[in-house]
Amino acid sequence: ADRMVAAYQWMKYITNAENSAVWSTESGYGFVRTSSAEHPLIAEKRKQLPQYDRSLGLIQYGKGEPSVPAYYSVRGEIEKAYAGIINGDDIMSTLNALNDEANAILADAIAN
């Protein structure tokens, strides 16, 4: 129970608007709270980097990462596929290949 309370307290701390803004601007990761959008650190970063400003509209689509075996291996494949698409690879064939590879990785992880 103490670990759960500590985990809750940590998440509450790191995701408040102030700490979220500091973490985001120092780490280079996008901010995760719309309430941080007008924080001075975030506002300055949004002026400097147009892509950072555009990320505000994407927050609504954010999802937690799944807790499944081999997720990080699949995530690596997702990153490769995304880079390929950005560099001009055919979207549908890339996504179909990614789906097949992800399913194979997950099936292997579950079997072992």
PDB file of N, CA and C in Angstrom:
ATOM      1  N   ALA A   1       0.822  -1.199   0.000  1.00  0.00           N
ATOM      2  CA  ALA A   1       0.000   0.000   0.000  1.00  0.00           C
ATOM      3  C   ALA A   1       0.861   1.255   0.000  1.00  0.00           C
ATOM      4  N   ASP A   2       1.979   1.228   0.736  1.00  0.00           N
ATOM      5  CA  ASP A   2       2.852   2.401   0.785  1.00  0.00           C
ATOM      6  C   ASP A   2       3.438   2.722  -0.589  1.00  0.00           C
ATOM      7  N   ARG A   3       3.768   1.679  -1.338  1.00  0.00           N
ATOM      8  CA  ARG A   3       4.312   1.903  -2.682  1.00  0.00           C
ATOM      9  C   ARG A   3       3.267   2.518  -3.599  1.00  0.00           C
ATOM     10  N   MET A   4       2.029   2.076  -3.455  1.00  0.00           N
ATOM     11  CA  MET A   4       0.957   2.626  -4.287  1.00  0.00           C
ATOM     12  C   MET A   4       0.723   4.097  -3.949  1.00  0.00           C
ATOM     13  N   VAL A   5       0.744   4.419  -2.672  1.00  0.00           N
ATOM     14  CA  VAL A   5       0.576   5.816  -2.257  1.00  0.00           C
ATOM     15  C   VAL A   5       1.746   6.644  -2.772  1.00  0.00           C
ATOM     16  N   ALA A   6       2.958   6.112  -2.645  1.00  0.00           N
ATOM     17  CA  ALA A   6       4.138   6.829  -3.130  1.00  0.00           C
ATOM     18  C   ALA A   6       4.064   7.039  -4.641  1.00  0.00           C
ATOM     19  N   ALA A   7       3.638   6.018  -5.375  1.00  0.00           N
ATOM     20  CA  ALA A   7       3.506   6.143  -6.828  1.00  0.00           C
ATOM     21  C   ALA A   7       2.472   7.200  -7.185  1.00  0.00           C
ATOM     22  N   TYR A   8       1.367   7.193  -6.472  1.00  0.00           N
ATOM     23  CA  TYR A   8       0.329   8.197  -6.708  1.00  0.00           C
ATOM     24  C   TYR A   8       0.870   9.599  -6.431  1.00  0.00           C
ATOM     25  N   GLN A   9       1.566   9.755  -5.314  1.00  0.00           N
ATOM     26  CA  GLN A   9       2.118  11.068  -4.963  1.00  0.00           C
ATOM     27  C   GLN A   9       3.121  11.541  -6.021  1.00  0.00           C
ATOM     28  N   TRP A  10       3.956  10.621  -6.510  1.00  0.00           N
ATOM     29  CA  TRP A  10       4.931  10.971  -7.544  1.00  0.00           C
ATOM     30  C   TRP A  10       4.225  11.427  -8.818  1.00  0.00           C
ATOM     31  N   MET A  11       3.229  10.683  -9.261  1.00  0.00           N
ATOM     32  CA  MET A  11       2.506  11.052 -10.479  1.00  0.00           C
ATOM     33  C   MET A  11       1.795  12.388 -10.303  1.00  0.00           C
ATOM     34  N   LYS A  12       1.226  12.596  -9.149  1.00  0.00           N
ATOM     35  CA  LYS A  12       0.560  13.867  -8.861  1.00  0.00           C
ATOM     36  C   LYS A  12       1.573  15.015  -8.924  1.00  0.00           C
ATOM     37  N   TYR A  13       2.757  14.789  -8.372  1.00  0.00           N
ATOM     38  CA  TYR A  13       3.808  15.806  -8.351  1.00  0.00           C
ATOM     39  C   TYR A  13       4.326  16.099  -9.758  1.00  0.00           C
ATOM     40  N   ILE A  14       4.716  15.059 -10.484  1.00  0.00           N
ATOM     41  CA  ILE A  14       5.382  15.260 -11.775  1.00  0.00           C
ATOM     42  C   ILE A  14       4.432  15.765 -12.851  1.00  0.00           C
ATOM     43  N   THR A  15       3.134  15.537 -12.677  1.00  0.00           N
ATOM     44  CA  THR A  15       2.194  15.957 -13.714  1.00  0.00           C
ATOM     45  C   THR A  15       1.450  17.239 -13.387  1.00  0.00           C
ATOM     46  N   ASN A  16       1.779  17.910 -12.270  1.00  0.00           N
ATOM     47  CA  ASN A  16       1.110  19.195 -12.058  1.00  0.00           C
ATOM     48  C   ASN A  16       1.622  20.176 -13.110  1.00  0.00           C
ATOM     49  N   ALA A  17       0.910  21.252 -13.326  1.00  0.00           N
ATOM     50  CA  ALA A  17       1.211  22.156 -14.442  1.00  0.00           C
ATOM     51  C   ALA A  17       2.640  22.695 -14.387  1.00  0.00           C
ATOM     52  N   GLU A  18       3.098  23.112 -13.226  1.00  0.00           N
ATOM     53  CA  GLU A  18       4.448  23.677 -13.091  1.00  0.00           C
ATOM     54  C   GLU A  18       5.520  22.641 -13.414  1.00  0.00           C
ATOM     55  N   ASN A  19       5.460  21.508 -12.766  1.00  0.00           N
ATOM     56  CA  ASN A  19       6.484  20.485 -12.973  1.00  0.00           C
ATOM     57  C   ASN A  19       6.412  19.883 -14.368  1.00  0.00           C
ATOM     58  N   SER A  20       5.223  19.764 -14.898  1.00  0.00           N
ATOM     59  CA  SER A  20       5.062  19.271 -16.257  1.00  0.00           C
ATOM     60  C   SER A  20       5.747  20.214 -17.245  1.00  0.00           C
ATOM     61  N   ALA A  21       5.605  21.506 -17.027  1.00  0.00           N
ATOM     62  CA  ALA A  21       6.229  22.498 -17.911  1.00  0.00           C
ATOM     63  C   ALA A  21       7.749  22.422 -17.832  1.00  0.00           C
ATOM     64  N   VAL A  22       8.280  22.328 -16.624  1.00  0.00           N
ATOM     65  CA  VAL A  22       9.732  22.242 -16.459  1.00  0.00           C
ATOM     66  C   VAL A  22      10.251  20.956 -17.095  1.00  0.00           C
ATOM     67  N   TRP A  23       9.624  19.835 -16.773  1.00  0.00           N
ATOM     68  CA  TRP A  23      10.068  18.550 -17.315  1.00  0.00           C
ATOM     69  C   TRP A  23      10.026  18.566 -18.837  1.00  0.00           C
ATOM     70  N   SER A  24       8.952  19.073 -19.391  1.00  0.00           N
ATOM     71  CA  SER A  24       8.778  19.085 -20.834  1.00  0.00           C
ATOM     72  C   SER A  24       9.855  19.915 -21.523  1.00  0.00           C
ATOM     73  N   THR A  25      10.086  21.120 -21.031  1.00  0.00           N
ATOM     74  CA  THR A  25      11.051  21.992 -21.700  1.00  0.00           C
ATOM     75  C   THR A  25      12.485  21.531 -21.486  1.00  0.00           C
ATOM     76  N   GLU A  26      12.775  20.906 -20.360  1.00  0.00           N
ATOM     77  CA  GLU A  26      14.134  20.431 -20.095  1.00  0.00           C
ATOM     78  C   GLU A  26      14.436  19.109 -20.800  1.00  0.00           C
ATOM     79  N   SER A  27      13.433  18.260 -20.941  1.00  0.00           N
ATOM     80  CA  SER A  27      13.657  16.933 -21.527  1.00  0.00           C
ATOM     81  C   SER A  27      13.517  16.924 -23.048  1.00  0.00           C
ATOM     82  N   GLY A  28      12.756  17.884 -23.574  1.00  0.00           N
ATOM     83  CA  GLY A  28      12.482  17.891 -25.003  1.00  0.00           C
ATOM     84  C   GLY A  28      11.221  17.133 -25.376  1.00  0.00           C
ATOM     85  N   TYR A  29      10.624  16.437 -24.415  1.00  0.00           N
ATOM     86  CA  TYR A  29       9.354  15.762 -24.668  1.00  0.00           C
ATOM     87  C   TYR A  29       8.238  16.798 -24.702  1.00  0.00           C
ATOM     88  N   GLY A  30       7.185  16.499 -25.415  1.00  0.00           N
ATOM     89  CA  GLY A  30       6.038  17.398 -25.460  1.00  0.00           C
ATOM     90  C   GLY A  30       5.343  17.477 -24.114  1.00  0.00           C
ATOM     91  N   PHE A  31       4.635  18.553 -23.892  1.00  0.00           N
ATOM     92  CA  PHE A  31       3.904  18.688 -22.632  1.00  0.00           C
ATOM     93  C   PHE A  31       2.648  17.843 -22.682  1.00  0.00           C
ATOM     94  N   VAL A  32       2.218  17.369 -21.529  1.00  0.00           N
ATOM     95  CA  VAL A  32       1.132  16.396 -21.472  1.00  0.00           C
ATOM     96  C   VAL A  32      -0.138  16.947 -20.852  1.00  0.00           C
ATOM     97  N   ARG A  33      -0.125  18.196 -20.499  1.00  0.00           N
ATOM     98  CA  ARG A  33      -1.304  18.816 -19.880  1.00  0.00           C
ATOM     99  C   ARG A  33      -1.645  20.090 -20.636  1.00  0.00           C
ATOM    100  N   THR A  34      -2.888  20.245 -20.996  1.00  0.00           N
ATOM    101  CA  THR A  34      -3.282  21.500 -21.639  1.00  0.00           C
ATOM    102  C   THR A  34      -3.156  22.656 -20.661  1.00  0.00           C
ATOM    103  N   SER A  35      -3.258  22.385 -19.366  1.00  0.00           N
ATOM    104  CA  SER A  35      -3.116  23.458 -18.374  1.00  0.00           C
ATOM    105  C   SER A  35      -1.691  24.001 -18.327  1.00  0.00           C
ATOM    106  N   SER A  36      -0.736  23.302 -18.918  1.00  0.00           N
ATOM    107  CA  SER A  36       0.643  23.786 -18.981  1.00  0.00           C
ATOM    108  C   SER A  36       0.885  24.679 -20.193  1.00  0.00           C
ATOM    109  N   ALA A  37      -0.040  24.721 -21.115  1.00  0.00           N
ATOM    110  CA  ALA A  37       0.181  25.388 -22.400  1.00  0.00           C
ATOM    111  C   ALA A  37       0.551  26.858 -22.271  1.00  0.00           C
ATOM    112  N   GLU A  38       0.002  27.538 -21.285  1.00  0.00           N
ATOM    113  CA  GLU A  38       0.289  28.964 -21.128  1.00  0.00           C
ATOM    114  C   GLU A  38       1.363  29.241 -20.084  1.00  0.00           C
ATOM    115  N   HIS A  39       1.940  28.202 -19.515  1.00  0.00           N
ATOM    116  CA  HIS A  39       3.048  28.397 -18.576  1.00  0.00           C
ATOM    117  C   HIS A  39       4.160  29.129 -19.329  1.00  0.00           C
ATOM    118  N   PRO A  40       4.853  30.081 -18.691  1.00  0.00           N
ATOM    119  CA  PRO A  40       5.883  30.852 -19.408  1.00  0.00           C
ATOM    120  C   PRO A  40       6.933  29.989 -20.121  1.00  0.00           C
ATOM    121  N   LEU A  41       7.368  28.906 -19.510  1.00  0.00           N
ATOM    122  CA  LEU A  41       8.356  28.043 -20.172  1.00  0.00           C
ATOM    123  C   LEU A  41       7.791  27.407 -21.440  1.00  0.00           C
ATOM    124  N   ILE A  42       6.560  26.936 -21.349  1.00  0.00           N
ATOM    125  CA  ILE A  42       5.913  26.306 -22.501  1.00  0.00           C
ATOM    126  C   ILE A  42       5.599  27.352 -23.563  1.00  0.00           C
ATOM    127  N   ALA A  43       5.094  28.505 -23.138  1.00  0.00           N
ATOM    128  CA  ALA A  43       4.755  29.570 -24.091  1.00  0.00           C
ATOM    129  C   ALA A  43       5.984  29.979 -24.900  1.00  0.00           C
ATOM    130  N   GLU A  44       7.130  30.085 -24.241  1.00  0.00           N
ATOM    131  CA  GLU A  44       8.366  30.449 -24.942  1.00  0.00           C
ATOM    132  C   GLU A  44       8.776  29.347 -25.921  1.00  0.00           C
ATOM    133  N   LYS A  45       8.686  28.112 -25.491  1.00  0.00           N
ATOM    134  CA  LYS A  45       9.040  26.987 -26.364  1.00  0.00           C
ATOM    135  C   LYS A  45       8.097  26.926 -27.567  1.00  0.00           C
ATOM    136  N   ARG A  46       6.821  27.217 -27.347  1.00  0.00           N
ATOM    137  CA  ARG A  46       5.845  27.204 -28.442  1.00  0.00           C
ATOM    138  C   ARG A  46       6.168  28.291 -29.465  1.00  0.00           C
ATOM    139  N   LYS A  47       6.695  29.424 -29.011  1.00  0.00           N
ATOM    140  CA  LYS A  47       7.094  30.491 -29.942  1.00  0.00           C
ATOM    141  C   LYS A  47       8.326  30.077 -30.741  1.00  0.00           C
ATOM    142  N   GLN A  48       9.264  29.396 -30.087  1.00  0.00           N
ATOM    143  CA  GLN A  48      10.522  29.004 -30.725  1.00  0.00           C
ATOM    144  C   GLN A  48      10.356  27.871 -31.733  1.00  0.00           C
ATOM    145  N   LEU A  49       9.490  26.926 -31.407  1.00  0.00           N
ATOM    146  CA  LEU A  49       9.355  25.718 -32.223  1.00  0.00           C
ATOM    147  C   LEU A  49       7.911  25.513 -32.666  1.00  0.00           C
ATOM    148  N   PRO A  50       7.609  25.732 -33.933  1.00  0.00           N
ATOM    149  CA  PRO A  50       6.233  25.563 -34.406  1.00  0.00           C
ATOM    150  C   PRO A  50       5.674  24.163 -34.144  1.00  0.00           C
ATOM    151  N   GLN A  51       6.521  23.137 -34.277  1.00  0.00           N
ATOM    152  CA  GLN A  51       6.039  21.777 -34.049  1.00  0.00           C
ATOM    153  C   GLN A  51       5.643  21.568 -32.588  1.00  0.00           C
ATOM    154  N   TYR A  52       6.296  22.242 -31.694  1.00  0.00           N
ATOM    155  CA  TYR A  52       5.950  22.153 -30.272  1.00  0.00           C
ATOM    156  C   TYR A  52       4.580  22.774 -30.049  1.00  0.00           C
ATOM    157  N   ASP A  53       4.336  23.891 -30.724  1.00  0.00           N
ATOM    158  CA  ASP A  53       3.030  24.546 -30.611  1.00  0.00           C
ATOM    159  C   ASP A  53       1.933  23.648 -31.180  1.00  0.00           C
ATOM    160  N   ARG A  54       2.207  23.001 -32.291  1.00  0.00           N
ATOM    161  CA  ARG A  54       1.200  22.120 -32.904  1.00  0.00           C
ATOM    162  C   ARG A  54       0.871  20.919 -32.027  1.00  0.00           C
ATOM    163  N   SER A  55       1.803  20.549 -31.168  1.00  0.00           N
ATOM    164  CA  SER A  55       1.551  19.383 -30.315  1.00  0.00           C
ATOM    165  C   SER A  55       0.388  19.609 -29.356  1.00  0.00           C
ATOM    166  N   LEU A  56       0.062  20.856 -29.076  1.00  0.00           N
ATOM    167  CA  LEU A  56      -1.068  21.149 -28.187  1.00  0.00           C
ATOM    168  C   LEU A  56      -2.352  20.517 -28.712  1.00  0.00           C
ATOM    169  N   GLY A  57      -2.551  20.564 -30.013  1.00  0.00           N
ATOM    170  CA  GLY A  57      -3.754  19.986 -30.601  1.00  0.00           C
ATOM    171  C   GLY A  57      -3.775  18.464 -30.593  1.00  0.00           C
ATOM    172  N   LEU A  58      -2.628  17.849 -30.319  1.00  0.00           N
ATOM    173  CA  LEU A  58      -2.548  16.387 -30.331  1.00  0.00           C
ATOM    174  C   LEU A  58      -2.785  15.758 -28.965  1.00  0.00           C
ATOM    175  N   ILE A  59      -2.753  16.568 -27.914  1.00  0.00           N
ATOM    176  CA  ILE A  59      -2.906  16.025 -26.560  1.00  0.00           C
ATOM    177  C   ILE A  59      -4.180  15.208 -26.426  1.00  0.00           C
ATOM    178  N   GLN A  60      -5.240  15.664 -27.058  1.00  0.00           N
ATOM    179  CA  GLN A  60      -6.521  14.961 -26.921  1.00  0.00           C
ATOM    180  C   GLN A  60      -6.465  13.521 -27.433  1.00  0.00           C
ATOM    181  N   TYR A  61      -5.477  13.211 -28.261  1.00  0.00           N
ATOM    182  CA  TYR A  61      -5.365  11.869 -28.818  1.00  0.00           C
ATOM    183  C   TYR A  61      -4.396  10.976 -28.038  1.00  0.00           C
ATOM    184  N   GLY A  62      -3.783  11.515 -26.991  1.00  0.00           N
ATOM    185  CA  GLY A  62      -2.794  10.768 -26.220  1.00  0.00           C
ATOM    186  C   GLY A  62      -3.383   9.557 -25.519  1.00  0.00           C
ATOM    187  N   LYS A  63      -2.614   8.519 -25.459  1.00  0.00           N
ATOM    188  CA  LYS A  63      -3.006   7.276 -24.786  1.00  0.00           C
ATOM    189  C   LYS A  63      -1.823   6.779 -23.966  1.00  0.00           C
ATOM    190  N   GLY A  64      -2.122   6.071 -22.916  1.00  0.00           N
ATOM    191  CA  GLY A  64      -1.066   5.432 -22.142  1.00  0.00           C
ATOM    192  C   GLY A  64      -0.451   4.290 -22.928  1.00  0.00           C
ATOM    193  N   GLU A  65       0.754   3.920 -22.560  1.00  0.00           N
ATOM    194  CA  GLU A  65       1.396   2.800 -23.233  1.00  0.00           C
ATOM    195  C   GLU A  65       0.887   1.498 -22.638  1.00  0.00           C
ATOM    196  N   PRO A  66       0.605   0.515 -23.483  1.00  0.00           N
ATOM    197  CA  PRO A  66       0.073  -0.749 -22.975  1.00  0.00           C
ATOM    198  C   PRO A  66       1.113  -1.533 -22.178  1.00  0.00           C
ATOM    199  N   SER A  67       0.643  -2.264 -21.220  1.00  0.00           N
ATOM    200  CA  SER A  67       1.501  -3.122 -20.414  1.00  0.00           C
ATOM    201  C   SER A  67       1.369  -4.550 -20.934  1.00  0.00           C
ATOM    202  N   VAL A  68       2.043  -4.818 -22.027  1.00  0.00           N
ATOM    203  CA  VAL A  68       2.001  -6.146 -22.637  1.00  0.00           C
ATOM    204  C   VAL A  68       3.434  -6.625 -22.860  1.00  0.00           C
ATOM    205  N   PRO A  69       3.626  -7.938 -22.919  1.00  0.00           N
ATOM    206  CA  PRO A  69       4.974  -8.454 -23.173  1.00  0.00           C
ATOM    207  C   PRO A  69       5.521  -7.922 -24.501  1.00  0.00           C
ATOM    208  N   ALA A  70       6.782  -7.599 -24.508  1.00  0.00           N
ATOM    209  CA  ALA A  70       7.496  -7.176 -25.717  1.00  0.00           C
ATOM    210  C   ALA A  70       7.012  -5.848 -26.289  1.00  0.00           C
ATOM    211  N   TYR A  71       6.321  -5.062 -25.481  1.00  0.00           N
ATOM    212  CA  TYR A  71       5.813  -3.796 -26.005  1.00  0.00           C
ATOM    213  C   TYR A  71       6.936  -2.926 -26.554  1.00  0.00           C
ATOM    214  N   TYR A  72       8.062  -2.864 -25.857  1.00  0.00           N
ATOM    215  CA  TYR A  72       9.128  -1.980 -26.315  1.00  0.00           C
ATOM    216  C   TYR A  72       9.753  -2.464 -27.618  1.00  0.00           C
ATOM    217  N   SER A  73       9.747  -3.761 -27.845  1.00  0.00           N
ATOM    218  CA  SER A  73      10.202  -4.265 -29.149  1.00  0.00           C
ATOM    219  C   SER A  73       9.247  -3.813 -30.247  1.00  0.00           C
ATOM    220  N   VAL A  74       7.958  -3.906 -29.963  1.00  0.00           N
ATOM    221  CA  VAL A  74       6.956  -3.452 -30.933  1.00  0.00           C
ATOM    222  C   VAL A  74       7.085  -1.946 -31.137  1.00  0.00           C
ATOM    223  N   ARG A  75       7.303  -1.231 -30.057  1.00  0.00           N
ATOM    224  CA  ARG A  75       7.454   0.221 -30.165  1.00  0.00           C
ATOM    225  C   ARG A  75       8.621   0.575 -31.090  1.00  0.00           C
ATOM    226  N   GLY A  76       9.710  -0.173 -30.984  1.00  0.00           N
ATOM    227  CA  GLY A  76      10.844   0.056 -31.884  1.00  0.00           C
ATOM    228  C   GLY A  76      10.458  -0.135 -33.342  1.00  0.00           C
ATOM    229  N   GLU A  77       9.644  -1.141 -33.603  1.00  0.00           N
ATOM    230  CA  GLU A  77       9.167  -1.378 -34.970  1.00  0.00           C
ATOM    231  C   GLU A  77       8.241  -0.250 -35.428  1.00  0.00           C
ATOM    232  N   ILE A  78       7.442   0.260 -34.507  1.00  0.00           N
ATOM    233  CA  ILE A  78       6.562   1.395 -34.829  1.00  0.00           C
ATOM    234  C   ILE A  78       7.400   2.601 -35.221  1.00  0.00           C
ATOM    235  N   GLU A  79       8.466   2.848 -34.461  1.00  0.00           N
ATOM    236  CA  GLU A  79       9.339   3.985 -34.765  1.00  0.00           C
ATOM    237  C   GLU A  79       9.967   3.845 -36.149  1.00  0.00           C
ATOM    238  N   LYS A  80      10.416   2.633 -36.473  1.00  0.00           N
ATOM    239  CA  LYS A  80      11.002   2.402 -37.803  1.00  0.00           C
ATOM    240  C   LYS A  80       9.970   2.632 -38.907  1.00  0.00           C
ATOM    241  N   ALA A  81       8.763   2.122 -38.689  1.00  0.00           N
ATOM    242  CA  ALA A  81       7.708   2.288 -39.694  1.00  0.00           C
ATOM    243  C   ALA A  81       7.361   3.762 -39.872  1.00  0.00           C
ATOM    244  N   TYR A  82       7.251   4.470 -38.765  1.00  0.00           N
ATOM    245  CA  TYR A  82       6.925   5.899 -38.824  1.00  0.00           C
ATOM    246  C   TYR A  82       8.000   6.656 -39.595  1.00  0.00           C
ATOM    247  N   ALA A  83       9.258   6.348 -39.297  1.00  0.00           N
ATOM    248  CA  ALA A  83      10.357   7.007 -40.013  1.00  0.00           C
ATOM    249  C   ALA A  83      10.287   6.687 -41.500  1.00  0.00           C
ATOM    250  N   GLY A  84       9.974   5.451 -41.820  1.00  0.00           N
ATOM    251  CA  GLY A  84       9.850   5.077 -43.226  1.00  0.00           C
ATOM    252  C   GLY A  84       8.753   5.847 -43.929  1.00  0.00           C
ATOM    253  N   ILE A  85       7.618   5.972 -43.272  1.00  0.00           N
ATOM    254  CA  ILE A  85       6.495   6.720 -43.859  1.00  0.00           C
ATOM    255  C   ILE A  85       6.873   8.181 -44.049  1.00  0.00           C
ATOM    256  N   ILE A  86       7.517   8.759 -43.042  1.00  0.00           N
ATOM    257  CA  ILE A  86       7.957  10.158 -43.142  1.00  0.00           C
ATOM    258  C   ILE A  86       8.913  10.330 -44.320  1.00  0.00           C
ATOM    259  N   ASN A  87       9.716   9.304 -44.586  1.00  0.00           N
ATOM    260  CA  ASN A  87      10.689   9.374 -45.679  1.00  0.00           C
ATOM    261  C   ASN A  87      10.144   8.888 -47.012  1.00  0.00           C
ATOM    262  N   GLY A  88       8.829   8.660 -47.083  1.00  0.00           N
ATOM    263  CA  GLY A  88       8.209   8.387 -48.371  1.00  0.00           C
ATOM    264  C   GLY A  88       7.755   6.967 -48.633  1.00  0.00           C
ATOM    265  N   ASP A  89       7.949   6.054 -47.686  1.00  0.00           N
ATOM    266  CA  ASP A  89       7.466   4.682 -47.905  1.00  0.00           C
ATOM    267  C   ASP A  89       5.948   4.679 -48.036  1.00  0.00           C
ATOM    268  N   ASP A  90       5.437   3.712 -48.776  1.00  0.00           N
ATOM    269  CA  ASP A  90       3.996   3.575 -48.945  1.00  0.00           C
ATOM    270  C   ASP A  90       3.338   3.326 -47.589  1.00  0.00           C
ATOM    271  N   ILE A  91       2.333   4.106 -47.273  1.00  0.00           N
ATOM    272  CA  ILE A  91       1.714   4.058 -45.948  1.00  0.00           C
ATOM    273  C   ILE A  91       1.059   2.713 -45.676  1.00  0.00           C
ATOM    274  N   MET A  92       0.176   2.270 -46.548  1.00  0.00           N
ATOM    275  CA  MET A  92      -0.580   1.045 -46.278  1.00  0.00           C
ATOM    276  C   MET A  92       0.312  -0.189 -46.217  1.00  0.00           C
ATOM    277  N   SER A  93       1.248  -0.310 -47.143  1.00  0.00           N
ATOM    278  CA  SER A  93       2.108  -1.498 -47.104  1.00  0.00           C
ATOM    279  C   SER A  93       3.016  -1.465 -45.877  1.00  0.00           C
ATOM    280  N   THR A  94       3.460  -0.285 -45.481  1.00  0.00           N
ATOM    281  CA  THR A  94       4.281  -0.158 -44.274  1.00  0.00           C
ATOM    282  C   THR A  94       3.483  -0.535 -43.038  1.00  0.00           C
ATOM    283  N   LEU A  95       2.249  -0.040 -42.943  1.00  0.00           N
ATOM    284  CA  LEU A  95       1.414  -0.361 -41.781  1.00  0.00           C
ATOM    285  C   LEU A  95       1.022  -1.830 -41.754  1.00  0.00           C
ATOM    286  N   ASN A  96       0.755  -2.418 -42.919  1.00  0.00           N
ATOM    287  CA  ASN A  96       0.438  -3.847 -42.969  1.00  0.00           C
ATOM    288  C   ASN A  96       1.632  -4.689 -42.521  1.00  0.00           C
ATOM    289  N   ALA A  97       2.822  -4.325 -42.989  1.00  0.00           N
ATOM    290  CA  ALA A  97       4.032  -5.043 -42.574  1.00  0.00           C
ATOM    291  C   ALA A  97       4.277  -4.855 -41.076  1.00  0.00           C
ATOM    292  N   LEU A  98       4.050  -3.649 -40.589  1.00  0.00           N
ATOM    293  CA  LEU A  98       4.193  -3.380 -39.155  1.00  0.00           C
ATOM    294  C   LEU A  98       3.231  -4.235 -38.346  1.00  0.00           C
ATOM    295  N   ASN A  99       1.995  -4.329 -38.792  1.00  0.00           N
ATOM    296  CA  ASN A  99       1.001  -5.143 -38.094  1.00  0.00           C
ATOM    297  C   ASN A  99       1.448  -6.604 -38.019  1.00  0.00           C
ATOM    298  N   ASP A 100       1.931  -7.127 -39.136  1.00  0.00           N
ATOM    299  CA  ASP A 100       2.403  -8.517 -39.158  1.00  0.00           C
ATOM    300  C   ASP A 100       3.588  -8.711 -38.210  1.00  0.00           C
ATOM    301  N   GLU A 101       4.544  -7.789 -38.256  1.00  0.00           N
ATOM    302  CA  GLU A 101       5.735  -7.888 -37.401  1.00  0.00           C
ATOM    303  C   GLU A 101       5.362  -7.758 -35.926  1.00  0.00           C
ATOM    304  N   ALA A 102       4.497  -6.816 -35.599  1.00  0.00           N
ATOM    305  CA  ALA A 102       4.071  -6.625 -34.209  1.00  0.00           C
ATOM    306  C   ALA A 102       3.362  -7.869 -33.689  1.00  0.00           C
ATOM    307  N   ASN A 103       2.489  -8.433 -34.487  1.00  0.00           N
ATOM    308  CA  ASN A 103       1.788  -9.650 -34.071  1.00  0.00           C
ATOM    309  C   ASN A 103       2.756 -10.808 -33.860  1.00  0.00           C
ATOM    310  N   ALA A 104       3.763 -10.925 -34.711  1.00  0.00           N
ATOM    311  CA  ALA A 104       4.760 -11.990 -34.559  1.00  0.00           C
ATOM    312  C   ALA A 104       5.577 -11.792 -33.280  1.00  0.00           C
ATOM    313  N   ILE A 105       5.985 -10.562 -33.015  1.00  0.00           N
ATOM    314  CA  ILE A 105       6.751 -10.266 -31.795  1.00  0.00           C
ATOM    315  C   ILE A 105       5.925 -10.583 -30.553  1.00  0.00           C
ATOM    316  N   LEU A 106       4.681 -10.140 -30.547  1.00  0.00           N
ATOM    317  CA  LEU A 106       3.813 -10.382 -29.391  1.00  0.00           C
ATOM    318  C   LEU A 106       3.518 -11.870 -29.214  1.00  0.00           C
ATOM    319  N   ALA A 107       3.268 -12.578 -30.310  1.00  0.00           N
ATOM    320  CA  ALA A 107       3.005 -14.019 -30.221  1.00  0.00           C
ATOM    321  C   ALA A 107       4.213 -14.746 -29.647  1.00  0.00           C
ATOM    322  N   ASP A 108       5.406 -14.357 -30.087  1.00  0.00           N
ATOM    323  CA  ASP A 108       6.630 -14.969 -29.584  1.00  0.00           C
ATOM    324  C   ASP A 108       6.812 -14.675 -28.092  1.00  0.00           C
ATOM    325  N   ALA A 109       6.535 -13.454 -27.685  1.00  0.00           N
ATOM    326  CA  ALA A 109       6.680 -13.076 -26.274  1.00  0.00           C
ATOM    327  C   ALA A 109       5.701 -13.838 -25.390  1.00  0.00           C
ATOM    328  N   ILE A 110       4.499 -14.022 -25.874  1.00  0.00           N
ATOM    329  CA  ILE A 110       3.476 -14.738 -25.100  1.00  0.00           C
ATOM    330  C   ILE A 110       3.823 -16.224 -25.006  1.00  0.00           C
ATOM    331  N   ALA A 111       4.372 -16.776 -26.096  1.00  0.00           N
ATOM    332  CA  ALA A 111       4.710 -18.201 -26.128  1.00  0.00           C
ATOM    333  C   ALA A 111       5.886 -18.537 -25.216  1.00  0.00           C
ATOM    334  N   ASN A 112       6.737 -17.574 -24.968  1.00  0.00           N
ATOM    335  CA  ASN A 112       7.941 -17.836 -24.152  1.00  0.00           C
ATOM    336  C   ASN A 112       7.724 -17.403 -22.773  1.00  0.00           C
TER     337      ASN A 112
END
